[in-house]
Amino acid sequence: MSELQTSQSLYQALWNSADILRSKMDANDYKSYLLGMVFYKYLSDKMLFFVARTMEEETDDLAQALELYRGYYEDPETHDDLIEVVKDEMSYAIEPDLTFTALVQEINDSSFQLEHLAQGFRNIEQDDELFENLFEDIDLYSKKLGATPQKQNQTIAAVMKELAELEVAGHAGDMLGDAYEYLIGQFATDSGKKAGEFYTPQPVAKLMTRIALLGREDKKGFTLYDPTMGSGSLLLNAKKYSHEPNTVSYFGQELNTSTYNLARMNMILHGVPIENQYLHNADTLDEDWPTQEPTNFDGVLMNPPYSAKWSADSGFLQDPRFSPFGKLAPKSKADFAFLLHGYYHLKQDGGVMAIVLPHGVLFRGNAEGLIRKHLLEEGAIDTVIGLPANIFFNTSIPTTVIILKKDRKERDVYFIDASKEFTKGKNQNIMEERHIEKILAAYQSRENMDKFAYLATFEELIENDYNLNIPRYVDTFEEEEVEPLADIAGKINETNETIEQKTADLLGMLGQLKGTSPEAEADLASFIERFKN
């Protein structure tokens, strides 16, 4: 079976397992259950196969691996050494009876209790700070799973039986991670507006990541930061486009605890070394992070919540992230607060930042206008890319990707109008590979392209009062072809002839009608006469 077929079968199996929960709760709730259990199975299966390899009795049969583990675990002579080796390698060790395989065996012989899975979750969380509170969003005793403890037990057991068919530990890290991403993307489709909290569509993530890494794909020790990381999908794209993926360090912050836990699982499933993960659960705007080395990064990628509210407390004017600009983003729209936070953490020498925001940031006035002017005078805004409408799960409005740099000598801005670069999909418009390549080619060339791209000088920006609205610079107006008057007259004559013919036909049909009474006959004759005139 090819890698693509394997991935597709994995995707399908994962999605089928969601059917059990779909009728009970919305996607925003059931994603935590399903993804959490997939993750637990992954940890369990990976550990069992590791034990079999370590004891030189390698097998691809989980039941056989469990029996091997149980034998060595229960043997006083080998127990302590085995657990030490497992914890040293895995940072956790699951008791034989609490492994996913053992729990499914209990389900099959009708002895399974939810408390066994809950205990497995608790034990993992206590084994290493890496896993602390990782499963806290999974309420195994929720009434949503069933009205009684027995029904809750049955629901979770049914999901686990479906998941038991998945070969999660046997897949390459990225394949399983990508399958996990697939599920997150499907949940985003199902949960609509709520999805913006945790997911950036892959084509947009790909475009932003490739721009951030452009020319630095071979750099070792690349540092990447996303202060509104969601499920981590934007950060994890670096693994695909860096030629030194195992040396990339990922720094991310997320306010929503549930989404933060998704990102932690996502990192592990993508095989990111633990020492390369620096994730934080807090409010990015409220308190700066990170504040200890490193604080400035090679790349900053952001898809913050659009036009979110924030405190805009006057004390922030003393905050080094915002103080150079003299103004704060308005309380009702934190867009520029997020942008300035990311920009503050960008490296001076060669750093590249890409942020997705609504178009309003390009032209709104007052405090936002003054911040934008300051950024332009500094040469911070390198490129503005207009994206198509309806490509995000949480909004149908068109958005813009703004590229910022700190070490630019010029103060020009390159505009790309990619609003028509999409293929229409069922629910969302989709940017395909050819669309992304066209944008990247323009970005690298920085050349004027008719109805697509334009390099505006700083003088032009001043003339436009620092307004960056894309149509001011990229003219996409298509003049309609003027039809010759003779052709228009011919079409009018054709239409008139058609009307005359249809009228004659209708009168002929009306002439065949007969009234059912003298009064009706008189009414009909009057109607036909008036119709003729």
Protein backbone atom coordinates (compact mmCIF):
# COMPACT_ATOMS: atom_id res chain seq x y z
CA MET A 1 0.00 0.00 0.00
CA SER A 2 1.37 3.43 -0.95
CA GLU A 3 1.96 6.15 1.63
CA LEU A 4 -0.99 8.11 0.18
CA GLN A 5 -3.31 5.10 0.45
CA THR A 6 -2.10 4.45 4.00
CA SER A 7 -2.76 8.08 4.93
CA GLN A 8 -6.23 7.99 3.34
CA SER A 9 -7.18 4.77 5.15
CA LEU A 10 -5.90 6.26 8.41
CA TYR A 11 -7.93 9.45 7.80
CA GLN A 12 -11.05 7.45 7.02
CA ALA A 13 -10.71 5.22 10.07
CA LEU A 14 -10.22 8.24 12.33
CA TRP A 15 -13.22 9.98 10.86
CA ASN A 16 -15.43 6.89 11.14
CA SER A 17 -14.62 6.69 14.84
CA ALA A 18 -16.06 10.20 15.25
CA ASP A 19 -19.51 9.02 14.09
CA ILE A 20 -20.25 7.58 17.53
CA LEU A 21 -19.90 10.99 19.17
CA ARG A 22 -21.38 13.13 16.39
CA SER A 23 -24.99 12.50 17.38
CA LYS A 24 -24.31 13.34 21.02
CA MET A 25 -22.49 16.69 20.92
CA ASP A 26 -21.13 19.30 18.54
CA ALA A 27 -17.66 19.10 17.03
CA ASN A 28 -16.20 21.63 19.41
CA ASP A 29 -16.94 19.23 22.30
CA TYR A 30 -16.24 15.84 20.78
CA LYS A 31 -12.89 16.79 19.26
CA SER A 32 -11.32 16.73 22.74
CA TYR A 33 -12.61 13.21 23.42
CA LEU A 34 -11.60 11.74 20.10
CA LEU A 35 -8.21 13.43 19.76
CA GLY A 36 -7.41 12.68 23.39
CA MET A 37 -8.14 8.98 22.97
CA VAL A 38 -6.17 8.81 19.71
CA PHE A 39 -3.26 10.37 21.56
CA TYR A 40 -3.56 7.93 24.48
CA LYS A 41 -3.58 4.99 22.06
CA TYR A 42 -0.53 6.42 20.32
CA LEU A 43 1.38 6.68 23.63
CA SER A 44 0.28 3.20 24.68
CA ASP A 45 1.09 1.44 21.38
CA LYS A 46 4.40 3.24 21.02
CA MET A 47 5.44 2.11 24.50
CA LEU A 48 4.45 -1.54 23.94
CA PHE A 49 6.42 -1.78 20.69
CA PHE A 50 9.39 -0.08 22.34
CA VAL A 51 9.37 -2.66 25.16
CA ALA A 52 9.27 -5.52 22.63
CA ARG A 53 12.25 -4.04 20.74
CA THR A 54 14.19 -3.36 23.94
CA MET A 55 13.74 -6.95 25.09
CA GLU A 56 14.76 -8.14 21.60
CA GLU A 57 11.39 -9.78 20.98
CA GLU A 58 10.13 -7.35 18.33
CA THR A 59 6.59 -7.87 17.08
CA ASP A 60 3.94 -5.91 15.18
CA ASP A 61 1.15 -7.58 17.17
CA LEU A 62 -0.08 -5.38 20.04
CA ALA A 63 -1.64 -8.25 22.01
CA GLN A 64 1.65 -10.16 21.83
CA ALA A 65 3.62 -7.03 22.82
CA LEU A 66 1.29 -6.55 25.80
CA GLU A 67 1.86 -10.12 27.03
CA LEU A 68 5.65 -9.62 26.76
CA TYR A 69 5.40 -6.36 28.71
CA ARG A 70 3.14 -7.90 31.35
CA GLY A 71 5.61 -10.76 31.89
CA TYR A 72 8.63 -8.46 32.38
CA TYR A 73 6.55 -5.92 34.39
CA GLU A 74 5.39 -8.57 36.87
CA ASP A 75 8.83 -10.16 37.22
CA PRO A 76 10.54 -8.59 40.29
CA GLU A 77 13.96 -9.13 38.67
CA THR A 78 13.21 -7.09 35.56
CA HIS A 79 10.47 -4.69 36.71
CA ASP A 80 12.55 -1.77 38.04
CA ASP A 81 15.14 -1.77 35.25
CA LEU A 82 12.47 -2.01 32.56
CA ILE A 83 10.41 0.89 33.94
CA GLU A 84 13.57 3.01 34.27
CA VAL A 85 14.49 2.37 30.62
CA VAL A 86 10.92 3.04 29.42
CA LYS A 87 10.60 6.30 31.38
CA ASP A 88 14.02 7.44 30.26
CA GLU A 89 13.04 6.95 26.62
CA MET A 90 9.34 7.87 26.73
CA SER A 91 9.02 10.17 29.77
CA TYR A 92 6.10 7.95 30.86
CA ALA A 93 5.28 4.30 31.61
CA ILE A 94 1.74 2.91 31.44
CA GLU A 95 0.84 -0.06 33.65
CA PRO A 96 0.05 -3.18 31.56
CA ASP A 97 -3.60 -3.26 32.69
CA LEU A 98 -4.09 0.40 31.71
CA THR A 99 -2.63 0.19 28.19
CA PHE A 100 -5.11 0.89 25.41
CA THR A 101 -4.76 -2.73 24.24
CA ALA A 102 -5.60 -4.12 27.70
CA LEU A 103 -8.60 -1.78 28.03
CA VAL A 104 -9.96 -2.94 24.65
CA GLN A 105 -9.56 -6.55 25.82
CA GLU A 106 -11.68 -5.59 28.86
CA ILE A 107 -14.27 -4.04 26.54
CA ASN A 108 -14.42 -7.27 24.54
CA ASP A 109 -15.02 -9.38 27.66
CA SER A 110 -17.47 -6.81 29.15
CA SER A 111 -15.36 -5.97 32.21
CA PHE A 112 -14.32 -2.44 31.15
CA GLN A 113 -14.87 0.45 33.53
CA LEU A 114 -14.44 4.12 32.64
CA GLU A 115 -12.39 4.61 35.77
CA HIS A 116 -9.62 2.45 34.27
CA LEU A 117 -9.19 4.86 31.33
CA ALA A 118 -9.46 7.86 33.68
CA GLN A 119 -6.69 6.36 35.82
CA GLY A 120 -4.53 5.87 32.72
CA PHE A 121 -4.99 9.56 31.86
CA ARG A 122 -4.09 10.65 35.40
CA ASN A 123 -0.98 8.47 35.50
CA ILE A 124 0.34 9.89 32.22
CA GLU A 125 -0.24 13.46 33.44
CA GLN A 126 1.72 12.75 36.62
CA ASP A 127 4.65 11.01 34.92
CA ASP A 128 6.26 14.13 33.45
CA GLU A 129 5.52 17.88 33.39
CA LEU A 130 5.41 17.55 29.59
CA PHE A 131 2.03 15.81 30.04
CA GLU A 132 0.70 17.87 32.95
CA ASN A 133 -3.08 18.46 32.67
CA LEU A 134 -2.97 17.15 29.10
CA PHE A 135 -6.29 15.29 29.34
CA GLU A 136 -8.12 17.78 31.57
CA ASP A 137 -10.72 18.61 28.87
CA ILE A 138 -11.88 15.01 28.62
CA ASP A 139 -14.77 14.57 31.05
CA LEU A 140 -15.39 10.83 30.87
CA TYR A 141 -18.40 11.20 33.18
CA SER A 142 -20.18 13.91 31.17
CA LYS A 143 -23.94 13.57 30.70
CA LYS A 144 -23.33 14.34 27.03
CA LEU A 145 -21.88 10.85 26.66
CA GLY A 146 -25.02 9.30 28.15
CA ALA A 147 -27.60 9.90 30.85
CA THR A 148 -26.33 7.09 33.10
CA PRO A 149 -22.84 5.83 34.04
CA GLN A 150 -23.61 2.65 32.09
CA LYS A 151 -24.42 4.61 28.91
CA GLN A 152 -21.30 6.77 29.35
CA ASN A 153 -19.28 3.57 29.68
CA GLN A 154 -20.87 2.17 26.50
CA THR A 155 -20.18 5.32 24.46
CA ILE A 156 -16.47 5.50 25.33
CA ALA A 157 -16.13 1.73 24.88
CA ALA A 158 -17.63 1.99 21.38
CA VAL A 159 -15.21 4.75 20.40
CA MET A 160 -12.25 2.77 21.76
CA LYS A 161 -13.28 -0.33 19.81
CA GLU A 162 -13.28 1.72 16.60
CA LEU A 163 -9.89 3.25 17.42
CA ALA A 164 -8.46 -0.18 18.26
CA GLU A 165 -8.34 -0.88 14.51
CA LEU A 166 -5.92 2.00 13.89
CA GLU A 167 -2.23 1.29 13.52
CA VAL A 168 -1.11 4.58 15.00
CA ALA A 169 2.33 3.73 16.34
CA GLY A 170 3.41 2.02 13.14
CA HIS A 171 3.14 5.20 11.07
CA ALA A 172 5.89 7.71 10.54
CA GLY A 173 5.53 10.64 12.93
CA ASP A 174 4.49 13.09 10.27
CA MET A 175 1.92 10.74 8.74
CA LEU A 176 0.10 10.35 12.04
CA GLY A 177 0.56 14.04 12.79
CA ASP A 178 -0.90 14.91 9.40
CA ALA A 179 -3.84 12.58 10.04
CA TYR A 180 -4.36 14.40 13.33
CA GLU A 181 -4.24 17.69 11.41
CA TYR A 182 -6.82 16.25 9.02
CA LEU A 183 -9.14 15.54 11.93
CA ILE A 184 -8.63 19.02 13.38
CA GLY A 185 -9.43 20.47 9.95
CA GLN A 186 -12.62 18.37 9.74
CA PHE A 187 -13.65 19.54 13.19
CA ALA A 188 -13.04 23.10 12.03
CA THR A 189 -15.44 22.54 9.13
CA ASP A 190 -18.07 21.07 11.46
CA SER A 191 -17.80 23.69 14.18
CA GLY A 192 -17.86 26.74 11.90
CA LYS A 193 -17.13 30.02 13.60
CA LYS A 194 -15.66 28.38 16.70
CA ALA A 195 -12.96 26.80 14.54
CA GLY A 196 -11.00 30.01 14.20
CA GLU A 197 -9.78 29.46 17.74
CA PHE A 198 -7.65 26.53 16.79
CA TYR A 199 -7.04 26.15 13.09
CA THR A 200 -5.45 27.98 10.14
CA PRO A 201 -6.30 26.37 6.75
CA GLN A 202 -3.28 24.55 5.37
CA PRO A 203 -2.90 26.57 2.11
CA VAL A 204 -2.64 29.83 4.09
CA ALA A 205 -0.29 28.23 6.63
CA LYS A 206 1.85 26.91 3.77
CA LEU A 207 2.08 30.32 2.06
CA MET A 208 3.05 32.10 5.29
CA THR A 209 5.59 29.47 6.35
CA ARG A 210 7.30 29.35 2.96
CA ILE A 211 7.66 33.15 2.98
CA ALA A 212 9.08 33.08 6.52
CA LEU A 213 11.62 30.39 5.58
CA LEU A 214 12.45 31.66 2.09
CA GLY A 215 16.21 31.51 1.50
CA ARG A 216 16.77 30.06 4.96
CA GLU A 217 15.54 26.50 4.41
CA ASP A 218 19.06 25.18 5.18
CA LYS A 219 19.49 27.18 8.38
CA LYS A 220 20.14 25.04 11.46
CA GLY A 221 18.52 26.07 14.73
CA PHE A 222 15.77 28.15 13.09
CA THR A 223 13.53 29.72 15.78
CA LEU A 224 9.83 30.15 15.07
CA TYR A 225 7.24 31.93 17.21
CA ASP A 226 3.44 32.00 17.12
CA PRO A 227 1.90 33.97 20.00
CA THR A 228 -1.65 32.89 19.01
CA MET A 229 -0.78 29.31 18.09
CA GLY A 230 -4.16 27.54 18.28
CA SER A 231 -3.55 23.83 17.67
CA GLY A 232 0.00 24.53 16.47
CA SER A 233 -0.68 23.81 12.78
CA LEU A 234 0.90 27.06 11.60
CA LEU A 235 4.12 26.39 13.51
CA LEU A 236 4.34 22.75 12.43
CA ASN A 237 4.45 23.62 8.75
CA ALA A 238 8.12 24.47 9.29
CA LYS A 239 8.84 20.72 9.51
CA LYS A 240 7.74 20.37 5.88
CA TYR A 241 9.72 23.25 4.41
CA SER A 242 12.89 23.41 6.51
CA HIS A 243 15.75 21.19 5.30
CA GLU A 244 16.85 20.92 8.95
CA PRO A 245 13.46 20.14 10.56
CA ASN A 246 14.86 18.45 13.67
CA THR A 247 16.76 21.59 14.62
CA VAL A 248 13.78 23.98 14.45
CA SER A 249 12.69 25.38 17.84
CA TYR A 250 8.99 26.08 18.27
CA PHE A 251 7.76 28.82 20.59
CA GLY A 252 4.01 29.18 20.96
CA GLN A 253 1.45 30.72 23.26
CA GLU A 254 -2.29 30.04 23.42
CA LEU A 255 -4.98 31.52 25.66
CA ASN A 256 -7.57 28.71 25.38
CA THR A 257 -6.45 25.80 27.58
CA SER A 258 -8.28 23.16 25.57
CA THR A 259 -6.65 24.38 22.35
CA TYR A 260 -3.26 24.65 24.07
CA ASN A 261 -3.53 20.95 24.98
CA LEU A 262 -4.33 20.13 21.34
CA ALA A 263 -1.13 21.91 20.33
CA ARG A 264 0.92 19.93 22.87
CA MET A 265 -0.44 16.63 21.53
CA ASN A 266 0.04 17.84 17.96
CA MET A 267 3.74 18.57 18.58
CA ILE A 268 4.35 15.12 20.03
CA LEU A 269 2.44 13.34 17.26
CA HIS A 270 4.53 15.24 14.68
CA GLY A 271 7.67 13.88 16.32
CA VAL A 272 8.99 17.27 17.50
CA PRO A 273 11.77 16.61 20.04
CA ILE A 274 10.68 17.62 23.55
CA GLU A 275 13.69 19.92 23.91
CA ASN A 276 12.53 21.88 20.83
CA GLN A 277 9.04 22.64 22.22
CA TYR A 278 8.43 25.83 24.19
CA LEU A 279 4.67 26.19 24.62
CA HIS A 280 2.85 28.48 27.03
CA ASN A 281 -0.79 28.80 28.14
CA ALA A 282 -1.58 32.47 28.78
CA ASP A 283 -2.96 35.75 27.38
CA THR A 284 -0.46 37.07 24.83
CA LEU A 285 -1.52 40.72 25.02
CA ASP A 286 -2.06 40.87 28.77
CA GLU A 287 1.47 39.79 29.66
CA ASP A 288 4.46 39.55 27.37
CA TRP A 289 6.04 36.14 26.74
CA PRO A 290 8.75 35.04 26.30
CA THR A 291 10.76 37.45 28.42
CA GLN A 292 13.84 35.26 28.87
CA GLU A 293 16.27 34.18 26.13
CA PRO A 294 15.50 33.81 23.36
CA THR A 295 13.02 36.66 23.00
CA ASN A 296 13.55 37.50 19.31
CA PHE A 297 12.95 34.98 16.55
CA ASP A 298 13.96 34.14 12.98
CA GLY A 299 10.31 33.80 12.02
CA VAL A 300 7.01 34.98 13.52
CA LEU A 301 3.75 33.49 12.20
CA MET A 302 0.37 34.70 13.44
CA ASN A 303 -3.32 34.18 12.77
CA PRO A 304 -4.83 36.09 15.73
CA PRO A 305 -8.55 36.42 16.45
CA TYR A 306 -9.81 39.19 14.17
CA SER A 307 -10.86 42.52 15.69
CA ALA A 308 -10.94 41.04 19.19
CA LYS A 309 -11.57 43.24 22.22
CA TRP A 310 -8.74 43.96 24.67
CA SER A 311 -8.23 46.24 27.66
CA ALA A 312 -6.08 48.89 25.89
CA ASP A 313 -5.18 50.05 29.41
CA SER A 314 -3.07 53.21 29.41
CA GLY A 315 -0.37 51.32 31.31
CA PHE A 316 0.43 49.52 28.04
CA LEU A 317 1.90 52.80 26.73
CA GLN A 318 4.91 51.99 28.94
CA ASP A 319 5.10 48.42 27.61
CA PRO A 320 8.15 48.13 25.29
CA ARG A 321 6.03 46.23 22.76
CA PHE A 322 3.79 49.25 22.20
CA SER A 323 5.55 52.33 23.62
CA PRO A 324 7.59 53.22 20.48
CA PHE A 325 4.36 53.83 18.58
CA GLY A 326 2.82 56.33 20.99
CA LYS A 327 -0.69 54.94 20.50
CA LEU A 328 -2.52 51.75 21.44
CA ALA A 329 -4.81 49.70 19.26
CA PRO A 330 -8.45 50.60 20.11
CA LYS A 331 -10.30 48.55 22.76
CA SER A 332 -12.73 47.20 20.18
CA LYS A 333 -10.05 46.03 17.73
CA ALA A 334 -6.85 44.40 19.03
CA ASP A 335 -5.50 43.69 15.52
CA PHE A 336 -2.56 46.11 15.77
CA ALA A 337 -1.84 45.05 19.36
CA PHE A 338 -1.25 41.50 18.10
CA LEU A 339 0.79 42.76 15.15
CA LEU A 340 3.04 44.92 17.35
CA HIS A 341 3.53 42.09 19.83
CA GLY A 342 4.74 39.79 17.04
CA TYR A 343 6.88 42.51 15.48
CA TYR A 344 8.53 43.23 18.84
CA HIS A 345 9.68 39.59 19.02
CA LEU A 346 11.11 39.56 15.48
CA LYS A 347 14.88 39.38 15.01
CA GLN A 348 16.51 42.59 13.83
CA ASP A 349 18.79 40.82 11.38
CA GLY A 350 16.91 38.80 8.77
CA GLY A 351 13.74 38.10 10.75
CA VAL A 352 10.52 37.67 8.72
CA MET A 353 7.01 37.96 10.13
CA ALA A 354 3.73 36.94 8.43
CA ILE A 355 0.39 37.80 10.03
CA VAL A 356 -3.20 37.31 8.79
CA LEU A 357 -5.61 40.14 9.56
CA PRO A 358 -8.86 41.63 8.18
CA HIS A 359 -8.50 44.32 5.51
CA GLY A 360 -9.55 47.08 7.91
CA VAL A 361 -6.01 47.30 9.32
CA LEU A 362 -4.88 48.56 5.91
CA PHE A 363 -6.98 51.72 5.91
CA ARG A 364 -8.70 52.43 9.25
CA GLY A 365 -7.78 55.80 10.76
CA ASN A 366 -7.24 57.35 14.20
CA ALA A 367 -4.85 55.34 16.45
CA GLU A 368 -4.57 52.55 13.88
CA GLY A 369 -3.70 55.06 11.16
CA LEU A 370 -0.92 56.54 13.31
CA ILE A 371 0.51 53.10 14.14
CA ARG A 372 0.43 52.17 10.44
CA LYS A 373 2.19 55.44 9.51
CA HIS A 374 4.92 54.77 12.09
CA LEU A 375 5.46 51.24 10.74
CA LEU A 376 5.69 52.53 7.16
CA GLU A 377 8.12 55.28 8.09
CA GLU A 378 10.25 52.63 9.76
CA GLY A 379 10.13 50.47 6.61
CA ALA A 380 8.62 47.63 8.66
CA ILE A 381 5.87 46.65 6.21
CA ASP A 382 7.45 44.78 3.33
CA THR A 383 4.50 43.18 1.50
CA VAL A 384 0.70 43.18 1.62
CA ILE A 385 -1.08 40.15 0.12
CA GLY A 386 -4.84 40.23 -0.39
CA LEU A 387 -6.31 36.72 0.04
CA PRO A 388 -9.58 35.41 -1.42
CA ALA A 389 -12.84 35.67 0.54
CA ASN A 390 -14.28 32.61 2.30
CA ILE A 391 -11.09 30.58 2.73
CA PHE A 392 -11.18 30.55 6.55
CA PHE A 393 -13.51 28.45 8.68
CA ASN A 394 -14.41 31.25 11.07
CA THR A 395 -15.17 34.07 8.64
CA SER A 396 -16.20 34.61 5.03
CA ILE A 397 -14.57 38.06 4.81
CA PRO A 398 -11.45 38.53 2.68
CA THR A 399 -8.25 38.74 4.70
CA THR A 400 -4.73 40.01 4.15
CA VAL A 401 -1.30 38.58 4.93
CA ILE A 402 1.10 41.33 5.97
CA ILE A 403 4.85 40.60 5.79
CA LEU A 404 7.05 42.62 8.17
CA LYS A 405 10.85 42.91 8.47
CA LYS A 406 13.17 44.97 10.67
CA ASP A 407 16.34 45.35 8.62
CA ARG A 408 14.98 46.89 5.40
CA LYS A 409 16.87 49.73 3.72
CA GLU A 410 13.89 50.69 1.52
CA ARG A 411 10.49 51.92 2.59
CA ASP A 412 8.52 50.71 -0.41
CA VAL A 413 5.64 48.22 -0.07
CA TYR A 414 4.86 45.40 -2.50
CA PHE A 415 1.15 44.74 -3.05
CA ILE A 416 -0.22 41.43 -4.33
CA ASP A 417 -3.92 41.10 -5.10
CA ALA A 418 -4.51 37.35 -4.82
CA SER A 419 -8.25 37.72 -4.20
CA LYS A 420 -9.06 35.72 -7.34
CA GLU A 421 -6.50 32.96 -6.68
CA PHE A 422 -8.86 30.20 -5.57
CA THR A 423 -10.98 27.28 -6.67
CA LYS A 424 -14.59 27.29 -5.52
CA GLY A 425 -15.30 24.54 -2.98
CA LYS A 426 -18.49 23.23 -1.37
CA ASN A 427 -18.24 25.23 1.86
CA GLN A 428 -14.99 27.17 1.50
CA ASN A 429 -12.97 28.56 -1.37
CA ILE A 430 -9.70 26.64 -1.73
CA MET A 431 -6.25 27.94 -2.61
CA GLU A 432 -4.45 25.25 -4.57
CA GLU A 433 -0.73 24.70 -5.16
CA ARG A 434 -0.77 26.71 -8.41
CA HIS A 435 -2.26 29.70 -6.61
CA ILE A 436 0.37 29.58 -3.86
CA GLU A 437 3.19 29.23 -6.41
CA LYS A 438 1.93 32.26 -8.35
CA ILE A 439 1.92 34.39 -5.17
CA LEU A 440 5.38 33.17 -4.12
CA ALA A 441 6.83 33.86 -7.60
CA ALA A 442 5.51 37.43 -7.47
CA TYR A 443 6.75 37.91 -3.90
CA GLN A 444 10.26 36.85 -4.90
CA SER A 445 10.34 38.96 -8.08
CA ARG A 446 8.89 42.12 -6.53
CA GLU A 447 7.95 43.19 -10.05
CA ASN A 448 4.85 44.99 -11.27
CA MET A 449 2.34 42.58 -12.78
CA ASP A 450 -0.78 43.79 -14.56
CA LYS A 451 -3.88 43.44 -12.40
CA PHE A 452 -1.96 41.32 -9.86
CA ALA A 453 1.02 43.03 -8.20
CA TYR A 454 2.52 46.51 -7.76
CA LEU A 455 5.61 47.91 -6.00
CA ALA A 456 4.63 51.23 -4.41
CA THR A 457 7.31 53.78 -3.53
CA PHE A 458 7.31 55.51 -0.16
CA GLU A 459 6.30 58.73 -1.96
CA GLU A 460 3.20 56.99 -3.30
CA LEU A 461 2.34 55.79 0.20
CA ILE A 462 2.58 59.38 1.44
CA GLU A 463 0.39 60.59 -1.44
CA ASN A 464 -2.22 58.05 -0.32
CA ASP A 465 -1.96 59.29 3.28
CA TYR A 466 -0.42 55.96 4.38
CA ASN A 467 -3.56 54.12 3.30
CA LEU A 468 -2.66 50.57 2.21
CA ASN A 469 -5.99 49.54 0.72
CA ILE A 470 -4.90 47.22 -2.10
CA PRO A 471 -7.18 48.59 -4.90
CA ARG A 472 -5.39 51.94 -4.57
CA TYR A 473 -2.24 50.29 -5.91
CA VAL A 474 -3.31 47.23 -7.92
CA ASP A 475 -5.88 48.09 -10.57
CA THR A 476 -7.98 45.01 -11.27
CA PHE A 477 -10.72 46.85 -13.17
CA GLU A 478 -11.80 44.94 -16.26
CA GLU A 479 -13.41 47.24 -18.84
CA GLU A 480 -16.49 45.66 -20.33
CA GLU A 481 -16.41 45.19 -24.07
CA VAL A 482 -18.74 47.70 -25.77
CA GLU A 483 -21.13 46.00 -28.16
CA PRO A 484 -21.66 47.75 -31.55
CA LEU A 485 -24.96 49.66 -31.78
CA ALA A 486 -25.94 47.78 -34.96
CA ASP A 487 -25.69 44.46 -33.07
CA ILE A 488 -27.78 45.85 -30.19
CA ALA A 489 -30.47 47.07 -32.67
CA GLY A 490 -30.49 43.62 -34.32
CA LYS A 491 -31.05 41.90 -30.95
CA ILE A 492 -33.90 44.32 -30.11
CA ASN A 493 -35.58 43.52 -33.45
CA GLU A 494 -35.19 39.79 -32.81
CA THR A 495 -36.75 40.18 -29.38
CA ASN A 496 -39.68 42.20 -30.80
CA GLU A 497 -40.31 39.56 -33.48
CA THR A 498 -40.28 36.84 -30.83
CA ILE A 499 -42.79 38.81 -28.71
CA GLU A 500 -45.10 39.27 -31.72
CA GLN A 501 -44.94 35.57 -32.58
CA LYS A 502 -45.62 34.46 -29.00
CA THR A 503 -48.51 36.95 -28.70
CA ALA A 504 -50.08 35.60 -31.92
CA ASP A 505 -49.70 32.04 -30.60
CA LEU A 506 -51.35 32.97 -27.31
CA LEU A 507 -54.24 34.75 -29.06
CA GLY A 508 -54.78 31.63 -31.15
CA MET A 509 -55.05 29.51 -28.02
CA LEU A 510 -57.35 32.05 -26.34
CA GLY A 511 -59.62 31.96 -29.44
CA GLN A 512 -60.24 28.26 -28.83
CA LEU A 513 -61.65 28.88 -25.33
CA LYS A 514 -65.44 28.85 -24.75
CA GLY A 515 -67.34 30.37 -21.82
CA THR A 516 -69.47 28.01 -19.67
CA SER A 517 -72.25 30.63 -19.43
CA PRO A 518 -73.32 33.73 -21.37
CA GLU A 519 -71.68 35.94 -18.68
CA ALA A 520 -68.41 33.96 -18.84
CA GLU A 521 -68.46 34.12 -22.65
CA ALA A 522 -68.86 37.91 -22.50
CA ASP A 523 -65.98 38.23 -19.96
CA LEU A 524 -63.73 36.10 -22.17
CA ALA A 525 -64.50 38.16 -25.29
CA SER A 526 -63.78 41.39 -23.38
CA PHE A 527 -60.48 39.97 -22.07
CA ILE A 528 -59.33 38.90 -25.58
CA GLU A 529 -60.23 42.28 -27.04
CA ARG A 530 -58.29 44.15 -24.34
CA PHE A 531 -55.34 41.75 -24.74
CA LYS A 532 -55.18 42.54 -28.52
CA ASN A 533 -54.94 46.25 -27.79
